[in-house]
Amino acid sequence: MWIIVFIVAVLFVLGSALLLLRSAKIPRIPNNAKAQPYEDDDE
């Protein structure tokens, strides 16, 4: 019985960690953001 509870808890932790990693990799750039020119563009 305790093994089943432990396995479910481990799967829940792994699933939530993977979900957080997946959502953290998606860049959220606002639509009004514009590219800034570099200081060394004249070279």
PDB file of N, CA and C in Angstrom:
ATOM      1  N   MET A   1       0.822  -1.210   0.000  1.00  0.00           N
ATOM      2  CA  MET A   1       0.000   0.000   0.000  1.00  0.00           C
ATOM      3  C   MET A   1       0.857   1.261   0.000  1.00  0.00           C
ATOM      4  N   TRP A   2       1.882   1.274   0.859  1.00  0.00           N
ATOM      5  CA  TRP A   2       2.732   2.467   0.922  1.00  0.00           C
ATOM      6  C   TRP A   2       3.551   2.650  -0.349  1.00  0.00           C
ATOM      7  N   ILE A   3       3.858   1.551  -1.022  1.00  0.00           N
ATOM      8  CA  ILE A   3       4.631   1.649  -2.269  1.00  0.00           C
ATOM      9  C   ILE A   3       3.813   2.363  -3.334  1.00  0.00           C
ATOM     10  N   ILE A   4       2.528   2.089  -3.407  1.00  0.00           N
ATOM     11  CA  ILE A   4       1.658   2.736  -4.398  1.00  0.00           C
ATOM     12  C   ILE A   4       1.559   4.235  -4.117  1.00  0.00           C
ATOM     13  N   VAL A   5       1.405   4.589  -2.847  1.00  0.00           N
ATOM     14  CA  VAL A   5       1.341   6.011  -2.477  1.00  0.00           C
ATOM     15  C   VAL A   5       2.649   6.706  -2.812  1.00  0.00           C
ATOM     16  N   PHE A   6       3.775   6.038  -2.544  1.00  0.00           N
ATOM     17  CA  PHE A   6       5.086   6.619  -2.853  1.00  0.00           C
ATOM     18  C   PHE A   6       5.270   6.812  -4.356  1.00  0.00           C
ATOM     19  N   ILE A   7       4.868   5.836  -5.149  1.00  0.00           N
ATOM     20  CA  ILE A   7       5.006   5.934  -6.610  1.00  0.00           C
ATOM     21  C   ILE A   7       4.129   7.057  -7.152  1.00  0.00           C
ATOM     22  N   VAL A   8       2.912   7.179  -6.656  1.00  0.00           N
ATOM     23  CA  VAL A   8       2.026   8.266  -7.100  1.00  0.00           C
ATOM     24  C   VAL A   8       2.618   9.622  -6.729  1.00  0.00           C
ATOM     25  N   ALA A   9       3.193   9.738  -5.539  1.00  0.00           N
ATOM     26  CA  ALA A   9       3.800  11.003  -5.114  1.00  0.00           C
ATOM     27  C   ALA A   9       5.001  11.353  -5.988  1.00  0.00           C
ATOM     28  N   VAL A  10       5.829  10.366  -6.305  1.00  0.00           N
ATOM     29  CA  VAL A  10       6.999  10.608  -7.160  1.00  0.00           C
ATOM     30  C   VAL A  10       6.556  11.021  -8.563  1.00  0.00           C
ATOM     31  N   LEU A  11       5.554  10.353  -9.113  1.00  0.00           N
ATOM     32  CA  LEU A  11       5.058  10.724 -10.439  1.00  0.00           C
ATOM     33  C   LEU A  11       4.476  12.128 -10.442  1.00  0.00           C
ATOM     34  N   PHE A  12       3.786  12.498  -9.377  1.00  0.00           N
ATOM     35  CA  PHE A  12       3.223  13.842  -9.284  1.00  0.00           C
ATOM     36  C   PHE A  12       4.324  14.898  -9.242  1.00  0.00           C
ATOM     37  N   VAL A  13       5.370  14.645  -8.457  1.00  0.00           N
ATOM     38  CA  VAL A  13       6.483  15.601  -8.344  1.00  0.00           C
ATOM     39  C   VAL A  13       7.222  15.715  -9.678  1.00  0.00           C
ATOM     40  N   LEU A  14       7.477  14.582 -10.328  1.00  0.00           N
ATOM     41  CA  LEU A  14       8.178  14.616 -11.613  1.00  0.00           C
ATOM     42  C   LEU A  14       7.339  15.313 -12.680  1.00  0.00           C
ATOM     43  N   GLY A  15       6.063  15.048 -12.703  1.00  0.00           N
ATOM     44  CA  GLY A  15       5.195  15.679 -13.690  1.00  0.00           C
ATOM     45  C   GLY A  15       5.111  17.177 -13.497  1.00  0.00           C
ATOM     46  N   SER A  16       5.003  17.623 -12.261  1.00  0.00           N
ATOM     47  CA  SER A  16       4.940  19.071 -12.022  1.00  0.00           C
ATOM     48  C   SER A  16       6.275  19.736 -12.333  1.00  0.00           C
ATOM     49  N   ALA A  17       7.386  19.049 -12.047  1.00  0.00           N
ATOM     50  CA  ALA A  17       8.696  19.619 -12.367  1.00  0.00           C
ATOM     51  C   ALA A  17       8.872  19.738 -13.879  1.00  0.00           C
ATOM     52  N   LEU A  18       8.462  18.726 -14.627  1.00  0.00           N
ATOM     53  CA  LEU A  18       8.572  18.792 -16.089  1.00  0.00           C
ATOM     54  C   LEU A  18       7.670  19.885 -16.655  1.00  0.00           C
ATOM     55  N   LEU A  19       6.499  20.052 -16.075  1.00  0.00           N
ATOM     56  CA  LEU A  19       5.596  21.109 -16.529  1.00  0.00           C
ATOM     57  C   LEU A  19       6.188  22.485 -16.272  1.00  0.00           C
ATOM     58  N   LEU A  20       6.814  22.665 -15.121  1.00  0.00           N
ATOM     59  CA  LEU A  20       7.450  23.948 -14.820  1.00  0.00           C
ATOM     60  C   LEU A  20       8.631  24.214 -15.747  1.00  0.00           C
ATOM     61  N   LEU A  21       9.422  23.182 -16.027  1.00  0.00           N
ATOM     62  CA  LEU A  21      10.559  23.361 -16.938  1.00  0.00           C
ATOM     63  C   LEU A  21      10.079  23.710 -18.341  1.00  0.00           C
ATOM     64  N   ARG A  22       9.004  23.061 -18.785  1.00  0.00           N
ATOM     65  CA  ARG A  22       8.484  23.319 -20.126  1.00  0.00           C
ATOM     66  C   ARG A  22       7.945  24.740 -20.233  1.00  0.00           C
ATOM     67  N   SER A  23       7.251  25.200 -19.209  1.00  0.00           N
ATOM     68  CA  SER A  23       6.692  26.547 -19.264  1.00  0.00           C
ATOM     69  C   SER A  23       7.779  27.598 -19.088  1.00  0.00           C
ATOM     70  N   ALA A  24       8.881  27.257 -18.430  1.00  0.00           N
ATOM     71  CA  ALA A  24       9.958  28.225 -18.231  1.00  0.00           C
ATOM     72  C   ALA A  24      10.771  28.425 -19.509  1.00  0.00           C
ATOM     73  N   LYS A  25      10.783  27.449 -20.410  1.00  0.00           N
ATOM     74  CA  LYS A  25      11.569  27.567 -21.634  1.00  0.00           C
ATOM     75  C   LYS A  25      10.885  28.428 -22.684  1.00  0.00           C
ATOM     76  N   ILE A  26       9.580  28.655 -22.560  1.00  0.00           N
ATOM     77  CA  ILE A  26       8.850  29.444 -23.552  1.00  0.00           C
ATOM     78  C   ILE A  26       9.080  30.927 -23.265  1.00  0.00           C
ATOM     79  N   PRO A  27       9.755  31.646 -24.167  1.00  0.00           N
ATOM     80  CA  PRO A  27       9.985  33.070 -23.908  1.00  0.00           C
ATOM     81  C   PRO A  27       8.693  33.861 -24.082  1.00  0.00           C
ATOM     82  N   ARG A  28       8.418  34.730 -23.143  1.00  0.00           N
ATOM     83  CA  ARG A  28       7.228  35.578 -23.225  1.00  0.00           C
ATOM     84  C   ARG A  28       7.683  37.013 -23.461  1.00  0.00           C
ATOM     85  N   ILE A  29       7.680  37.409 -24.718  1.00  0.00           N
ATOM     86  CA  ILE A  29       8.105  38.754 -25.100  1.00  0.00           C
ATOM     87  C   ILE A  29       6.856  39.586 -25.367  1.00  0.00           C
ATOM     88  N   PRO A  30       6.726  40.725 -24.719  1.00  0.00           N
ATOM     89  CA  PRO A  30       5.542  41.548 -24.978  1.00  0.00           C
ATOM     90  C   PRO A  30       5.521  42.072 -26.411  1.00  0.00           C
ATOM     91  N   ASN A  31       4.326  42.326 -26.930  1.00  0.00           N
ATOM     92  CA  ASN A  31       4.187  42.753 -28.327  1.00  0.00           C
ATOM     93  C   ASN A  31       4.764  44.143 -28.572  1.00  0.00           C
ATOM     94  N   ASN A  32       4.812  44.998 -27.569  1.00  0.00           N
ATOM     95  CA  ASN A  32       5.316  46.354 -27.772  1.00  0.00           C
ATOM     96  C   ASN A  32       6.828  46.452 -27.579  1.00  0.00           C
ATOM     97  N   ALA A  33       7.519  45.327 -27.378  1.00  0.00           N
ATOM     98  CA  ALA A  33       8.968  45.345 -27.206  1.00  0.00           C
ATOM     99  C   ALA A  33       9.640  45.502 -28.565  1.00  0.00           C
ATOM    100  N   LYS A  34      10.620  46.394 -28.628  1.00  0.00           N
ATOM    101  CA  LYS A  34      11.359  46.622 -29.878  1.00  0.00           C
ATOM    102  C   LYS A  34      12.840  46.337 -29.645  1.00  0.00           C
ATOM    103  N   ALA A  35      13.518  45.899 -30.694  1.00  0.00           N
ATOM    104  CA  ALA A  35      14.943  45.601 -30.592  1.00  0.00           C
ATOM    105  C   ALA A  35      15.726  46.889 -30.396  1.00  0.00           C
ATOM    106  N   GLN A  36      16.653  46.847 -29.465  1.00  0.00           N
ATOM    107  CA  GLN A  36      17.494  48.016 -29.205  1.00  0.00           C
ATOM    108  C   GLN A  36      18.790  47.894 -30.011  1.00  0.00           C
ATOM    109  N   PRO A  37      19.243  48.978 -30.633  1.00  0.00           N
ATOM    110  CA  PRO A  37      20.501  48.912 -31.390  1.00  0.00           C
ATOM    111  C   PRO A  37      21.695  48.734 -30.452  1.00  0.00           C
ATOM    112  N   TYR A  38      22.680  48.020 -30.931  1.00  0.00           N
ATOM    113  CA  TYR A  38      23.913  47.831 -30.164  1.00  0.00           C
ATOM    114  C   TYR A  38      24.720  49.121 -30.179  1.00  0.00           C
ATOM    115  N   GLU A  39      25.617  49.246 -29.191  1.00  0.00           N
ATOM    116  CA  GLU A  39      26.490  50.413 -29.131  1.00  0.00           C
ATOM    117  C   GLU A  39      27.532  50.379 -30.254  1.00  0.00           C
ATOM    118  N   ASP A  40      27.919  49.176 -30.702  1.00  0.00           N
ATOM    119  CA  ASP A  40      29.005  49.029 -31.691  1.00  0.00           C
ATOM    120  C   ASP A  40      28.459  48.791 -33.103  1.00  0.00           C
ATOM    121  N   ASP A  41      27.307  49.318 -33.443  1.00  0.00           N
ATOM    122  CA  ASP A  41      26.737  49.079 -34.767  1.00  0.00           C
ATOM    123  C   ASP A  41      27.474  49.822 -35.876  1.00  0.00           C
ATOM    124  N   ASP A  42      28.241  50.858 -35.554  1.00  0.00           N
ATOM    125  CA  ASP A  42      28.883  51.663 -36.599  1.00  0.00           C
ATOM    126  C   ASP A  42      30.139  51.005 -37.143  1.00  0.00           C
ATOM    127  N   GLU A  43      30.587  49.906 -36.585  1.00  0.00           N
ATOM    128  CA  GLU A  43      31.819  49.260 -37.078  1.00  0.00           C
ATOM    129  C   GLU A  43      31.565  48.396 -38.284  1.00  0.00           C
TER     130      GLU A  43
END
